[in-house]
Amino acid sequence: MLDISQVSKLFNPGTPDEKIALMNIQLKLEPGDFVTVIGSNGAGKSTLMNIISGVMKPDIGEVRIGGKAIHHLPEHMRSRWIGRVFQDPMAGTAPTMSIEENLSMAYKRGKARGFGWGANAAKRKLFREQLSRLGIRLEDRMSAKVGLLSGGERQALSLLMATFTQPQILLLDEHTAALDPARAELITDLTEEIVRDMSLTTLMVTHNMEQAIRLGNRLIMMDKGRIILDIPESRKRDLTVPQLLGEFERISGRQLADDRIVLG
């Protein structure tokens, strides 16, 4: 489903600030895979997401979805295949527009909008049905401006919008990191439910090691722009946080020292 082949990205080449962001990344996700990504700050996690989504283009290498090369396409053209939820609850939605208007835009993602992107009765019924899945009564507030929602409500809406048209690839970029523990757990539960029910092929970056182990069927760890660990479901089921830390130290030769990493 998603095939990343020999992708490398260098920032500020030829300057004193030159930095390897990604180096020879090889990653393949099969349909229905739910892969969690863990790594310290600067490991290349967000750069990888940006390469897949089209925010950045690789210096070398290819990105394919369903066998189709997309690495040369701009971000807006990839949106027909890719849904993304960001860390910031303010991103991914239009705050001055209503919930209904935001869902209308999501409904037309990857399609020509023309003059008919507004909601009709059939669409409103669909929107209410989908919002009710979230369990937070947003279906009764479809005329509310999104900017007035709480962080958790807005992130739940972002998750729904990103998956509304059943994208071939779902990218979750630390999408619970900015929320308090209760709301983070709500979004985590919604994520599990939606990914499972829709059989979405998902790549989720997280700063929480326990979450990285608990969710999904595969775990990769990144360090200095490289994938240093790729743990399949058979090993992941019995993996513990201390074991994962030990694997990092064994491979990298150093301890994981990053204040943003949450052990459990």
Protein backbone atom coordinates (compact mmCIF):
# COMPACT_ATOMS: atom_id res chain seq x y z
CA MET A 1 0.00 0.00 0.00
CA LEU A 2 2.73 2.49 1.03
CA ASP A 3 6.22 1.92 -0.30
CA ILE A 4 9.09 4.25 0.61
CA SER A 5 12.28 3.38 -1.24
CA GLN A 6 15.77 4.78 -0.55
CA VAL A 7 14.45 8.18 0.54
CA SER A 8 16.98 10.72 1.78
CA LYS A 9 16.61 14.36 2.76
CA LEU A 10 19.37 16.85 3.58
CA PHE A 11 18.70 20.24 5.16
CA ASN A 12 20.93 23.25 4.43
CA PRO A 13 23.32 21.35 2.14
CA GLY A 14 26.79 22.82 1.72
CA THR A 15 26.47 25.10 4.77
CA PRO A 16 27.74 24.87 8.35
CA ASP A 17 24.14 24.01 9.34
CA GLU A 18 23.96 20.99 7.04
CA LYS A 19 21.94 18.21 8.64
CA ILE A 20 20.86 14.77 7.55
CA ALA A 21 17.10 14.61 8.13
CA LEU A 22 16.52 11.23 6.48
CA MET A 23 19.04 8.73 5.18
CA ASN A 24 18.14 5.85 2.86
CA ILE A 25 14.72 5.17 4.37
CA GLN A 26 13.19 1.86 3.31
CA LEU A 27 9.68 1.28 4.61
CA LYS A 28 6.75 -0.70 3.29
CA LEU A 29 3.24 -0.83 4.76
CA GLU A 30 0.81 -3.51 3.69
CA PRO A 31 -2.94 -2.76 3.47
CA GLY A 32 -4.38 -2.48 6.97
CA ASP A 33 -1.03 -2.07 8.73
CA PHE A 34 -1.07 0.21 11.78
CA VAL A 35 2.55 1.21 12.37
CA THR A 36 3.66 3.33 15.31
CA VAL A 37 6.82 5.45 15.05
CA ILE A 38 8.94 6.42 18.06
CA GLY A 39 12.18 8.36 18.28
CA SER A 40 13.89 11.26 19.99
CA ASN A 41 13.68 14.88 18.89
CA GLY A 42 15.40 15.29 15.51
CA ALA A 43 15.18 11.61 14.66
CA GLY A 44 13.37 12.40 11.39
CA LYS A 45 9.82 11.38 12.30
CA SER A 46 8.05 14.56 11.19
CA THR A 47 10.28 14.89 8.14
CA LEU A 48 9.18 11.40 7.11
CA MET A 49 5.54 12.46 7.49
CA ASN A 50 6.18 15.61 5.46
CA ILE A 51 7.85 13.62 2.68
CA ILE A 52 4.88 11.22 2.48
CA SER A 53 2.25 13.98 2.56
CA GLY A 54 4.03 16.24 0.08
CA VAL A 55 4.98 19.13 2.36
CA MET A 56 8.57 18.29 1.35
CA LYS A 57 10.06 16.37 -1.55
CA PRO A 58 12.89 13.88 -1.08
CA ASP A 59 16.33 14.67 -2.44
CA ILE A 60 16.47 11.12 -3.72
CA GLY A 61 14.19 8.10 -3.49
CA GLU A 62 10.58 7.27 -4.24
CA VAL A 63 7.25 7.25 -2.42
CA ARG A 64 4.50 5.05 -3.85
CA ILE A 65 0.91 4.47 -2.79
CA GLY A 66 -0.80 1.45 -4.29
CA GLY A 67 2.06 1.16 -6.77
CA LYS A 68 1.65 4.74 -8.00
CA ALA A 69 4.64 7.09 -7.65
CA ILE A 70 3.57 10.24 -5.79
CA HIS A 71 6.86 11.78 -4.59
CA HIS A 72 6.81 14.31 -7.44
CA LEU A 73 3.23 15.46 -6.75
CA PRO A 74 2.35 18.55 -4.67
CA GLU A 75 0.60 18.17 -1.32
CA HIS A 76 -2.89 19.11 -2.53
CA MET A 77 -2.82 16.42 -5.23
CA ARG A 78 -1.90 13.74 -2.69
CA SER A 79 -4.86 14.60 -0.47
CA ARG A 80 -7.10 12.22 -2.44
CA TRP A 81 -5.03 9.33 -1.05
CA ILE A 82 -3.72 10.70 2.25
CA GLY A 83 -5.41 11.92 5.43
CA ARG A 84 -3.35 13.61 8.13
CA VAL A 85 -3.93 14.73 11.71
CA PHE A 86 -1.40 17.10 13.25
CA GLN A 87 -0.18 17.62 16.80
CA ASP A 88 -1.71 21.09 17.01
CA PRO A 89 -5.52 20.91 17.48
CA MET A 90 -5.68 24.27 15.64
CA ALA A 91 -4.23 22.72 12.48
CA GLY A 92 -6.22 20.78 9.91
CA THR A 93 -9.47 22.70 10.38
CA ALA A 94 -10.79 26.16 9.48
CA PRO A 95 -11.54 27.89 12.82
CA THR A 96 -13.82 30.60 11.43
CA MET A 97 -16.04 28.07 9.66
CA SER A 98 -18.68 25.84 11.22
CA ILE A 99 -18.38 22.13 11.90
CA GLU A 100 -20.71 21.50 8.96
CA GLU A 101 -18.63 23.66 6.62
CA ASN A 102 -15.42 21.93 7.68
CA LEU A 103 -16.97 18.52 7.05
CA SER A 104 -18.19 19.71 3.65
CA MET A 105 -14.63 20.57 2.69
CA ALA A 106 -13.36 17.23 3.96
CA TYR A 107 -16.09 15.46 1.98
CA LYS A 108 -14.77 17.01 -1.22
CA ARG A 109 -11.09 16.38 -0.47
CA GLY A 110 -9.21 15.52 -3.63
CA LYS A 111 -12.15 16.45 -5.83
CA ALA A 112 -12.99 19.56 -7.85
CA ARG A 113 -15.06 21.70 -5.48
CA GLY A 114 -16.57 24.12 -7.98
CA PHE A 115 -19.56 26.00 -6.56
CA GLY A 116 -21.33 23.01 -5.03
CA TRP A 117 -19.27 22.13 -1.97
CA GLY A 118 -21.92 23.22 0.53
CA ALA A 119 -24.05 20.72 2.45
CA ASN A 120 -27.47 19.52 1.31
CA ALA A 121 -29.96 17.48 3.35
CA ALA A 122 -28.35 14.15 2.44
CA LYS A 123 -24.89 15.38 3.37
CA ARG A 124 -26.12 16.82 6.66
CA LYS A 125 -27.62 13.45 7.55
CA LEU A 126 -24.29 11.78 6.74
CA PHE A 127 -22.39 14.38 8.77
CA ARG A 128 -24.63 13.86 11.80
CA GLU A 129 -24.20 10.10 11.58
CA GLN A 130 -20.42 10.38 11.40
CA LEU A 131 -20.20 12.95 14.18
CA SER A 132 -22.32 10.75 16.45
CA ARG A 133 -19.58 8.10 16.24
CA LEU A 134 -17.32 10.42 18.24
CA GLY A 135 -19.64 10.25 21.23
CA ILE A 136 -19.12 13.89 22.25
CA ARG A 137 -22.39 15.39 20.92
CA LEU A 138 -20.85 17.42 18.11
CA GLU A 139 -23.73 16.27 15.89
CA ASP A 140 -25.93 18.68 17.87
CA ARG A 141 -23.57 21.60 17.26
CA MET A 142 -22.98 21.50 13.52
CA SER A 143 -23.48 25.26 13.16
CA ALA A 144 -20.86 26.04 15.86
CA LYS A 145 -17.61 27.65 14.76
CA VAL A 146 -14.74 25.20 15.04
CA GLY A 147 -12.56 27.83 16.71
CA LEU A 148 -14.90 27.71 19.74
CA LEU A 149 -14.38 23.98 20.32
CA SER A 150 -12.07 22.63 23.01
CA GLY A 151 -8.74 21.10 22.01
CA GLY A 152 -10.06 17.56 22.45
CA GLU A 153 -13.24 18.28 20.49
CA ARG A 154 -11.28 19.87 17.70
CA GLN A 155 -8.81 16.99 17.51
CA ALA A 156 -11.69 14.50 17.39
CA LEU A 157 -13.17 16.49 14.51
CA SER A 158 -9.77 16.58 12.77
CA LEU A 159 -9.53 12.80 13.07
CA LEU A 160 -12.99 12.38 11.61
CA MET A 161 -12.23 14.78 8.75
CA ALA A 162 -8.96 13.03 7.93
CA THR A 163 -10.71 9.66 7.64
CA PHE A 164 -14.02 10.85 6.20
CA THR A 165 -13.29 9.71 2.65
CA GLN A 166 -11.44 6.54 3.72
CA PRO A 167 -7.94 7.59 2.62
CA GLN A 168 -5.54 4.94 1.45
CA ILE A 169 -2.99 6.22 3.99
CA LEU A 170 -3.67 7.88 7.36
CA LEU A 171 -0.83 9.91 8.93
CA LEU A 172 -1.08 10.72 12.63
CA ASP A 173 1.66 13.15 13.65
CA GLU A 174 1.78 13.11 17.48
CA HIS A 175 -1.93 13.89 17.39
CA THR A 176 -2.46 13.39 21.15
CA ALA A 177 0.68 15.16 22.39
CA ALA A 178 -0.89 18.60 22.94
CA LEU A 179 -3.88 17.28 24.90
CA ASP A 180 -4.34 16.67 28.61
CA PRO A 181 -4.26 12.99 29.66
CA ALA A 182 -8.06 12.51 29.71
CA ARG A 183 -8.59 14.01 26.27
CA ALA A 184 -5.51 12.25 24.91
CA GLU A 185 -6.98 8.93 26.02
CA LEU A 186 -10.31 9.80 24.35
CA ILE A 187 -8.57 10.55 21.05
CA THR A 188 -6.45 7.41 21.36
CA ASP A 189 -9.57 5.27 21.84
CA LEU A 190 -11.27 6.98 18.87
CA THR A 191 -8.17 6.39 16.78
CA GLU A 192 -8.15 2.68 17.56
CA GLU A 193 -11.85 2.37 16.79
CA ILE A 194 -11.77 4.29 13.50
CA VAL A 195 -8.60 2.64 12.21
CA ARG A 196 -9.98 -0.80 13.08
CA ASP A 197 -13.49 -0.26 11.73
CA MET A 198 -12.27 1.29 8.47
CA SER A 199 -9.21 -0.99 8.09
CA LEU A 200 -7.06 2.07 7.43
CA THR A 201 -3.38 1.74 6.61
CA THR A 202 -1.92 4.00 9.29
CA LEU A 203 1.43 5.51 10.25
CA MET A 204 1.36 7.13 13.70
CA VAL A 205 4.20 9.16 15.21
CA THR A 206 4.08 9.27 19.00
CA HIS A 207 6.30 10.50 21.81
CA ASN A 208 4.77 7.96 24.21
CA MET A 209 6.64 4.64 24.31
CA GLU A 210 3.84 2.79 26.08
CA GLN A 211 1.38 4.01 23.44
CA ALA A 212 3.77 3.02 20.64
CA ILE A 213 3.90 -0.51 22.02
CA ARG A 214 0.18 -0.82 22.81
CA LEU A 215 -1.25 0.46 19.54
CA GLY A 216 -0.98 -1.04 16.10
CA ASN A 217 0.56 -4.21 14.72
CA ARG A 218 4.11 -2.97 14.12
CA LEU A 219 6.59 -0.51 15.66
CA ILE A 220 9.54 1.31 14.13
CA MET A 221 12.11 3.39 15.98
CA MET A 222 14.04 6.19 14.28
CA ASP A 223 17.33 7.81 15.23
CA LYS A 224 19.39 10.41 13.34
CA GLY A 225 17.33 10.09 10.18
CA ARG A 226 17.41 6.31 10.03
CA ILE A 227 15.10 3.45 10.94
CA ILE A 228 17.07 1.50 13.54
CA LEU A 229 14.33 -0.86 14.74
CA ASP A 230 11.40 -2.50 12.95
CA ILE A 231 9.43 -4.70 15.32
CA PRO A 232 6.68 -6.96 13.91
CA GLU A 233 3.46 -7.84 15.68
CA SER A 234 4.79 -11.21 16.86
CA ARG A 235 7.48 -9.46 18.94
CA LYS A 236 5.50 -6.35 19.75
CA ARG A 237 2.79 -8.18 21.69
CA ASP A 238 5.17 -9.05 24.54
CA LEU A 239 7.44 -6.01 24.32
CA THR A 240 7.94 -3.80 27.38
CA VAL A 241 9.17 -0.22 27.66
CA PRO A 242 12.44 -1.28 29.40
CA GLN A 243 13.08 -3.80 26.61
CA LEU A 244 12.48 -1.13 23.97
CA LEU A 245 14.87 1.24 25.75
CA GLY A 246 17.43 -1.54 25.95
CA GLU A 247 17.13 -2.17 22.21
CA PHE A 248 17.73 1.51 21.50
CA GLU A 249 20.80 1.61 23.72
CA ARG A 250 22.18 -1.60 22.19
CA ILE A 251 21.85 -0.34 18.62
CA SER A 252 22.72 3.34 19.10
CA GLY A 253 25.35 2.91 21.79
CA ARG A 254 23.81 5.60 23.98
CA GLN A 255 20.88 6.19 26.29
CA LEU A 256 17.68 7.77 25.04
CA ALA A 257 17.82 11.27 26.51
CA ASP A 258 14.85 13.33 25.33
CA ASP A 259 12.51 15.17 27.66
CA ARG A 260 9.68 14.81 25.15
CA ILE A 261 9.73 11.02 25.28
CA VAL A 262 7.12 9.68 27.68
CA LEU A 263 7.98 6.21 28.97
CA GLY A 264 4.51 5.21 30.08
